Protein backbone atom coordinates (compact mmCIF):
# COMPACT_ATOMS: atom_id res chain seq x y z
CA UNK A 1 -116.20 -58.79 28.79
CA UNK A 2 -116.63 -57.15 25.73
CA UNK A 3 -120.28 -58.34 23.71
CA UNK A 4 -121.40 -58.58 20.00
CA UNK A 5 -123.17 -55.48 19.19
CA UNK A 6 -126.46 -57.20 18.46
CA UNK A 7 -126.43 -58.16 22.34
CA UNK A 8 -125.55 -54.52 23.63
CA UNK A 9 -128.48 -53.25 26.04
CA UNK A 10 -130.24 -49.94 26.18
CA UNK A 11 -127.96 -50.11 29.37
CA UNK A 12 -124.77 -50.84 27.91
CA UNK A 13 -125.52 -48.33 24.92
CA UNK A 14 -125.87 -45.42 27.70
CA UNK A 15 -122.73 -46.31 29.21
CA UNK A 16 -120.70 -46.17 26.08
CA UNK A 17 -122.03 -42.82 25.21
CA UNK A 18 -120.85 -41.75 29.05
CA UNK A 19 -117.46 -42.91 28.58
CA UNK A 20 -116.75 -41.89 25.18
CA UNK A 21 -118.54 -38.13 26.10
CA UNK A 22 -115.82 -38.17 28.93
CA UNK A 23 -113.22 -39.30 26.55
CA UNK A 24 -114.60 -36.36 24.39
CA UNK A 25 -114.05 -34.09 27.07
CA UNK A 26 -110.92 -35.29 28.49
CA UNK A 27 -109.17 -35.02 24.69
CA UNK A 28 -110.58 -31.80 24.15
CA UNK A 29 -109.50 -30.39 27.76
CA UNK A 30 -106.30 -31.90 27.62
CA UNK A 31 -105.27 -32.73 23.85
CA UNK A 32 -103.47 -29.63 22.87
CA UNK A 33 -100.43 -30.38 25.89
CA UNK A 34 -99.34 -33.18 23.79
CA UNK A 35 -99.75 -31.42 20.31
CA UNK A 36 -97.70 -28.27 18.83
CA UNK A 37 -99.86 -25.68 18.26
CA UNK A 38 -100.52 -25.75 14.59
CA UNK A 39 -101.02 -29.37 14.72
CA UNK A 40 -103.85 -28.64 17.11
CA UNK A 41 -105.23 -25.88 15.23
CA UNK A 42 -105.22 -28.02 12.31
CA UNK A 43 -106.68 -31.07 13.99
CA UNK A 44 -109.90 -29.02 15.28
CA UNK A 45 -110.29 -27.28 12.16
CA UNK A 46 -110.62 -30.73 10.07
CA UNK A 47 -112.64 -32.37 12.96
CA UNK A 48 -115.26 -29.04 12.99
CA UNK A 49 -115.76 -29.51 9.29
CA UNK A 50 -116.93 -32.91 9.03
CA UNK A 51 -118.54 -32.57 12.74
CA UNK A 52 -120.64 -29.92 10.99
CA UNK A 53 -121.65 -31.38 7.66
CA UNK A 54 -122.66 -34.80 9.90
CA UNK A 55 -125.36 -32.46 11.72
CA UNK A 56 -126.11 -30.65 8.71
CA UNK A 57 -127.25 -34.06 7.49
CA UNK A 58 -127.82 -35.56 10.83
CA UNK A 59 -125.98 -37.98 10.68
CA UNK A 60 -123.30 -39.24 13.94
CA UNK A 61 -119.60 -37.53 13.48
CA UNK A 62 -118.43 -39.86 16.99
CA UNK A 63 -118.68 -42.84 16.26
CA UNK A 64 -119.19 -42.20 12.72
CA UNK A 65 -119.85 -45.20 10.61
CA UNK A 66 -117.24 -46.04 7.86
CA UNK A 67 -120.23 -45.41 5.32
CA UNK A 68 -120.94 -41.45 6.34
CA UNK A 69 -117.14 -41.11 6.38
CA UNK A 70 -116.46 -42.13 2.55
CA UNK A 71 -120.00 -39.93 1.96
CA UNK A 72 -118.22 -37.35 3.26
CA UNK A 73 -115.25 -37.74 1.57
CA UNK A 74 -116.55 -38.27 -1.72
CA UNK A 75 -118.79 -35.14 -0.89
CA UNK A 76 -115.20 -33.15 -1.09
CA UNK A 77 -113.11 -34.98 -3.56
CA UNK A 78 -112.85 -31.86 -5.40
CA UNK A 79 -110.63 -30.61 -2.66
CA UNK A 80 -107.22 -31.14 -3.13
CA UNK A 81 -105.94 -35.26 -1.76
CA UNK A 82 -103.52 -33.49 0.86
CA UNK A 83 -106.89 -32.12 2.20
CA UNK A 84 -108.69 -34.87 2.41
CA UNK A 85 -106.02 -36.70 4.12
CA UNK A 86 -106.16 -33.96 6.49
CA UNK A 87 -109.56 -34.44 7.05
CA UNK A 88 -109.15 -38.65 7.50
CA UNK A 89 -106.36 -37.55 10.06
CA UNK A 90 -108.71 -35.86 12.12
CA UNK A 91 -111.18 -38.15 12.24
CA UNK A 92 -109.07 -41.12 12.95
CA UNK A 93 -107.30 -38.94 15.66
CA UNK A 94 -110.72 -38.36 17.47
CA UNK A 95 -112.02 -41.82 17.14
CA UNK A 96 -108.64 -43.45 18.81
CA UNK A 97 -108.76 -40.93 21.49
CA UNK A 98 -111.90 -41.80 22.74
CA UNK A 99 -111.62 -45.74 22.61
CA UNK A 100 -113.50 -46.03 19.19
CA UNK A 101 -112.93 -48.07 16.44
CA UNK A 102 -111.69 -45.95 13.63
CA UNK A 103 -113.98 -46.09 10.78
CA UNK A 104 -111.01 -44.48 8.45
CA UNK A 105 -109.06 -48.07 8.62
CA UNK A 106 -112.27 -49.83 7.05
CA UNK A 107 -112.33 -51.48 3.75
CA UNK A 108 -115.20 -49.01 2.86
CA UNK A 109 -113.05 -45.61 3.60
CA UNK A 110 -110.08 -47.26 2.22
CA UNK A 111 -111.67 -48.21 -0.78
CA UNK A 112 -112.94 -44.51 -1.61
CA UNK A 113 -109.67 -43.14 -0.64
CA UNK A 114 -107.99 -45.34 -3.18
CA UNK A 115 -110.89 -44.62 -5.55
CA UNK A 116 -110.46 -40.69 -5.36
CA UNK A 117 -106.70 -41.00 -5.42
CA UNK A 118 -106.73 -42.57 -9.43
CA UNK A 119 -109.31 -39.88 -10.41
CA UNK A 120 -106.58 -37.44 -8.95
CA UNK A 121 -103.62 -38.74 -10.72
CA UNK A 122 -104.98 -39.40 -14.18
CA UNK A 123 -106.16 -36.27 -14.29
CA UNK A 124 -103.41 -34.59 -13.16
CA UNK A 125 -104.61 -33.29 -9.72
CA UNK A 126 -102.37 -34.64 -7.57
CA UNK A 127 -99.93 -32.68 -8.19
CA UNK A 128 -98.08 -29.71 -6.14
CA UNK A 129 -98.04 -26.64 -6.47
CA UNK A 130 -94.60 -24.89 -5.11
CA UNK A 131 -93.87 -21.66 -4.08
CA UNK A 132 -91.85 -19.38 -6.02
CA UNK A 133 -88.11 -20.06 -5.46
CA UNK A 134 -86.37 -17.14 -3.53
CA UNK A 135 -82.61 -18.11 -4.77
CA UNK A 136 -79.80 -16.24 -3.91
CA UNK A 137 -79.48 -13.74 -6.91
CA UNK A 138 -82.22 -12.51 -5.46
CA UNK A 139 -80.91 -12.23 -2.21
CA UNK A 140 -77.93 -10.41 -3.51
CA UNK A 141 -79.66 -7.94 -5.57
CA UNK A 142 -82.01 -6.75 -2.66
CA UNK A 143 -78.94 -6.50 -0.75
CA UNK A 144 -77.12 -4.24 -3.20
CA UNK A 145 -80.47 -1.93 -3.40
CA UNK A 146 -80.94 -1.94 0.15
CA UNK A 147 -78.01 -2.71 1.90
CA UNK A 148 -77.16 0.78 3.39
CA UNK A 149 -80.85 1.49 3.81
CA UNK A 150 -81.22 3.75 7.06
CA UNK A 151 -85.08 2.53 7.02
CA UNK A 152 -85.05 0.51 10.14
CA UNK A 153 -87.98 -1.78 8.06
CA UNK A 154 -85.78 -2.59 5.13
CA UNK A 155 -82.91 -3.40 7.51
CA UNK A 156 -85.43 -5.62 9.40
CA UNK A 157 -86.31 -6.79 5.81
CA UNK A 158 -83.28 -7.91 4.65
CA UNK A 159 -82.20 -9.34 7.85
CA UNK A 160 -85.29 -11.39 7.71
CA UNK A 161 -84.52 -12.47 4.02
CA UNK A 162 -81.20 -13.50 4.68
CA UNK A 163 -81.74 -15.68 7.75
CA UNK A 164 -84.35 -17.33 5.97
CA UNK A 165 -82.31 -17.91 2.93
CA UNK A 166 -79.14 -18.91 4.63
CA UNK A 167 -80.74 -21.35 7.54
CA UNK A 168 -83.43 -22.41 5.76
CA UNK A 169 -85.88 -21.95 8.48
CA UNK A 170 -90.19 -22.20 8.06
CA UNK A 171 -91.71 -19.05 9.03
CA UNK A 172 -92.65 -20.11 12.50
CA UNK A 173 -89.27 -20.93 13.36
CA UNK A 174 -87.83 -17.57 12.15
CA UNK A 175 -90.08 -16.15 14.01
CA UNK A 176 -89.08 -18.12 17.36
CA UNK A 177 -85.38 -16.41 17.19
CA UNK A 178 -84.52 -14.34 19.89
CA UNK A 179 -81.69 -12.06 19.68
CA UNK A 180 -79.44 -14.22 22.25
CA UNK A 181 -79.64 -17.37 19.87
CA UNK A 182 -77.45 -15.47 17.52
CA UNK A 183 -73.91 -15.57 18.32
CA UNK A 184 -69.54 -15.25 17.50
CA UNK A 185 -67.56 -17.91 18.04
CA UNK A 186 -63.96 -17.98 19.29
CA UNK A 187 -62.75 -18.87 15.82
CA UNK A 188 -64.45 -16.04 14.29
CA UNK A 189 -67.51 -17.14 12.92
CA UNK A 190 -71.28 -16.40 13.83
CA UNK A 191 -73.97 -18.49 14.19
CA UNK A 192 -77.51 -19.04 15.11
CA UNK A 193 -79.33 -21.63 17.87
CA UNK A 194 -82.50 -22.76 16.76
CA UNK A 195 -84.38 -24.27 19.93
CA UNK A 196 -86.63 -27.05 18.49
CA UNK A 197 -87.67 -27.12 15.08
CA UNK A 198 -90.58 -28.89 13.46
CA UNK A 199 -88.65 -31.70 12.68
CA UNK A 200 -86.59 -31.42 16.25
CA UNK A 201 -88.17 -31.14 19.13
CA UNK A 202 -85.71 -32.62 21.08
CA UNK A 203 -84.88 -29.91 22.97
CA UNK A 204 -81.10 -29.98 22.13
CA UNK A 205 -80.34 -27.00 20.23
CA UNK A 206 -79.23 -27.17 16.48
CA UNK A 207 -76.57 -24.71 15.47
CA UNK A 208 -76.99 -23.03 12.04
CA UNK A 209 -73.89 -21.25 10.13
CA UNK A 210 -74.29 -17.82 9.28
CA UNK A 211 -71.98 -15.38 6.68
CA UNK A 212 -70.22 -12.45 7.75
CA UNK A 213 -72.41 -9.99 5.68
CA UNK A 214 -75.44 -11.73 6.45
CA UNK A 215 -74.64 -11.27 10.50
CA UNK A 216 -73.48 -7.66 9.55
CA UNK A 217 -76.94 -6.85 8.28
CA UNK A 218 -78.69 -8.61 10.89
CA UNK A 219 -76.50 -6.80 13.58
CA UNK A 220 -77.47 -3.37 11.47
CA UNK A 221 -80.67 -4.28 12.48
CA UNK A 222 -81.13 -4.99 16.24
CA UNK A 223 -79.09 -2.12 16.81
CA UNK A 224 -81.69 0.10 14.88
CA UNK A 225 -84.38 -1.83 16.68
CA UNK A 226 -82.40 -1.30 20.13
CA UNK A 227 -83.22 -4.87 21.14
CA UNK A 228 -82.12 -6.90 23.96
CA UNK A 229 -80.70 -10.72 24.08
CA UNK A 230 -84.63 -11.35 25.22
CA UNK A 231 -86.46 -10.00 22.29
CA UNK A 232 -87.47 -11.77 19.85
CA UNK A 233 -85.85 -10.66 16.87
CA UNK A 234 -88.59 -10.31 14.33
CA UNK A 235 -90.62 -7.59 15.83
CA UNK A 236 -93.24 -4.63 13.63
CA UNK A 237 -92.53 -1.81 12.92
CA UNK A 238 -95.27 1.27 12.52
CA UNK A 239 -95.75 3.77 10.20
CA UNK A 240 -93.22 5.88 12.29
CA UNK A 241 -89.99 3.81 11.13
CA UNK A 242 -89.93 2.86 15.24
CA UNK A 243 -89.93 -0.92 16.14
CA UNK A 244 -93.12 -1.88 18.82
CA UNK A 245 -91.40 -4.68 20.69
CA UNK A 246 -93.62 -7.97 21.60
CA UNK A 247 -93.42 -10.35 24.15
CA UNK A 248 -94.50 -13.14 21.64
CA UNK A 249 -93.72 -13.80 18.19
CA UNK A 250 -95.30 -12.17 15.02
CA UNK A 251 -97.82 -14.07 13.15
CA UNK A 252 -96.15 -15.75 9.58
CA UNK A 253 -98.16 -13.24 7.46
CA UNK A 254 -95.69 -10.80 8.25
CA UNK A 255 -92.97 -13.35 6.80
CA UNK A 256 -95.41 -13.35 3.59
CA UNK A 257 -95.15 -9.95 3.62
CA UNK A 258 -91.84 -9.14 3.41
CA UNK A 259 -91.20 -11.85 0.54
CA UNK A 260 -94.51 -9.98 -0.96
CA UNK A 261 -92.14 -6.58 -0.98
CA UNK A 262 -89.00 -8.34 -1.59
CA UNK A 263 -91.13 -9.26 -4.83
CA UNK A 264 -92.40 -6.31 -6.23
CA UNK A 265 -88.98 -4.41 -5.02
CA UNK A 266 -87.31 -6.14 -7.52
CA UNK A 267 -89.79 -5.54 -10.04
CA UNK A 268 -90.39 -9.70 -11.21
CA UNK A 269 -93.74 -10.23 -12.68
CA UNK A 270 -93.12 -13.44 -14.32
CA UNK A 271 -94.24 -15.91 -11.37
CA UNK A 272 -96.20 -15.50 -8.55
CA UNK A 273 -95.36 -13.74 -5.75
CA UNK A 274 -92.94 -15.08 -3.25
CA UNK A 275 -94.25 -16.51 0.23
CA UNK A 276 -92.51 -17.18 3.27
CA UNK A 277 -91.43 -20.56 2.02
CA UNK A 278 -89.61 -19.64 -1.02
CA UNK A 279 -86.57 -19.42 0.29
CA UNK A 280 -86.57 -22.99 1.67
CA UNK A 281 -87.16 -23.93 -2.32
CA UNK A 282 -84.88 -21.64 -3.56
CA UNK A 283 -81.69 -22.73 -1.10
CA UNK A 284 -82.45 -26.29 -2.22
CA UNK A 285 -81.98 -25.47 -5.84
CA UNK A 286 -79.63 -23.49 -5.66
CA UNK A 287 -78.12 -26.26 -3.09
CA UNK A 288 -78.75 -28.81 -6.36
CA UNK A 289 -77.40 -26.79 -8.83
CA UNK A 290 -74.32 -25.94 -7.12
CA UNK A 291 -73.79 -29.83 -6.93
CA UNK A 292 -74.40 -30.86 -3.52
CA UNK A 293 -76.12 -34.19 -2.49
CA UNK A 294 -80.01 -34.96 -1.79
CA UNK A 295 -78.52 -36.31 2.04
CA UNK A 296 -76.82 -32.74 2.39
CA UNK A 297 -79.32 -30.48 1.65
CA UNK A 298 -81.76 -32.76 3.50
CA UNK A 299 -79.87 -32.36 6.57
CA UNK A 300 -79.29 -28.28 5.91
CA UNK A 301 -83.04 -28.08 5.09
CA UNK A 302 -84.17 -30.42 8.58
CA UNK A 303 -86.60 -32.36 6.20
CA UNK A 304 -87.90 -35.88 7.35
CA UNK A 305 -87.44 -37.31 3.56
CA UNK A 306 -85.39 -36.75 0.75
CA UNK A 307 -88.11 -36.62 -1.18
CA UNK A 308 -89.05 -32.82 -0.43
CA UNK A 309 -85.99 -32.30 -1.99
CA UNK A 310 -86.49 -33.84 -5.46
CA UNK A 311 -89.49 -32.03 -5.07
CA UNK A 312 -87.98 -28.53 -4.83
CA UNK A 313 -85.18 -29.52 -6.91
CA UNK A 314 -86.94 -30.84 -9.85
CA UNK A 315 -87.11 -28.11 -11.97
CA UNK A 316 -82.69 -27.99 -11.35
CA UNK A 317 -82.79 -31.97 -11.69
CA UNK A 318 -84.72 -31.45 -15.03
CA UNK A 319 -81.94 -28.71 -16.42
CA UNK A 320 -79.00 -30.90 -15.49
CA UNK A 321 -80.83 -34.54 -17.39
CA UNK A 322 -78.94 -36.15 -19.70
CA UNK A 323 -81.31 -35.13 -22.32
CA UNK A 324 -81.57 -31.80 -21.80
CA UNK A 325 -77.15 -31.37 -21.63
CA UNK A 326 -77.26 -33.08 -24.69
CA UNK A 327 -79.80 -30.67 -26.58
CA UNK A 328 -78.36 -27.82 -25.45
CA UNK A 329 -74.75 -28.81 -26.55
CA UNK A 330 -76.01 -28.79 -29.87
CA UNK A 331 -77.98 -25.51 -29.87
């Protein structure tokens, strides 16, 4: 039977602390089993930030009062709104997992979040920077320059760039591809079977078509590296131009380095360097420019919301707006 807070005895409070600590230990020991690795790391990182701040200021992180959480958010208000939302998500998660009332749902915290959001909105602080798009003509220029290269590193890089563009896969998804996931069909098509993605954890494979040229580039790399069907497709390559086969996927930093290599190889200096997300953005923009619908592009990129397509394609949409077309006709 529940009691009002004012009626709790010292024994009641001790028992509550014991139960909370037991639930916390269970969550820390087992929470990673029901969450993806990246989600768990992000959760622990954001919580550690809040916990450290509380302990530095002699405040209690669990359970935290709404006033403590609001003060924490205000203290870090210079951070991006996305980061602040992640802090709130972590604080909420820990309280819920421990059977505690979440301070994040309180009016005090909600008001503070809205206050900061309005300030950021008026100052332009909600505008999100996006990666520089890696588009089809960039890929074609790289294939022209390095498509016949005998360097294994060049073969791997081209294969990765091609799959990244044609599949619209995320970095971690690219690195989980195994050689056996690539197949040719009876109809003569080339496909990539994707076991699971960020938005599909059903266990049912998704199939992505690969162009004949793309498949040729991939096969040149596989043969040069001597990989088997059980190997991860993308492997480290040392200075001796030899592959070092690993039993686990490479770090996503490798994907960023491949895109940086491509950026520097083409001598582009007008924009920020490409990163691992650039191919998804560039492919979305190319599809928009080619006249494909938002729904079709959303399906290809496996986005949960059409808003991501609109965000990535805002430059293309602006170029194709009625005003832009009218002004272009007057030049």
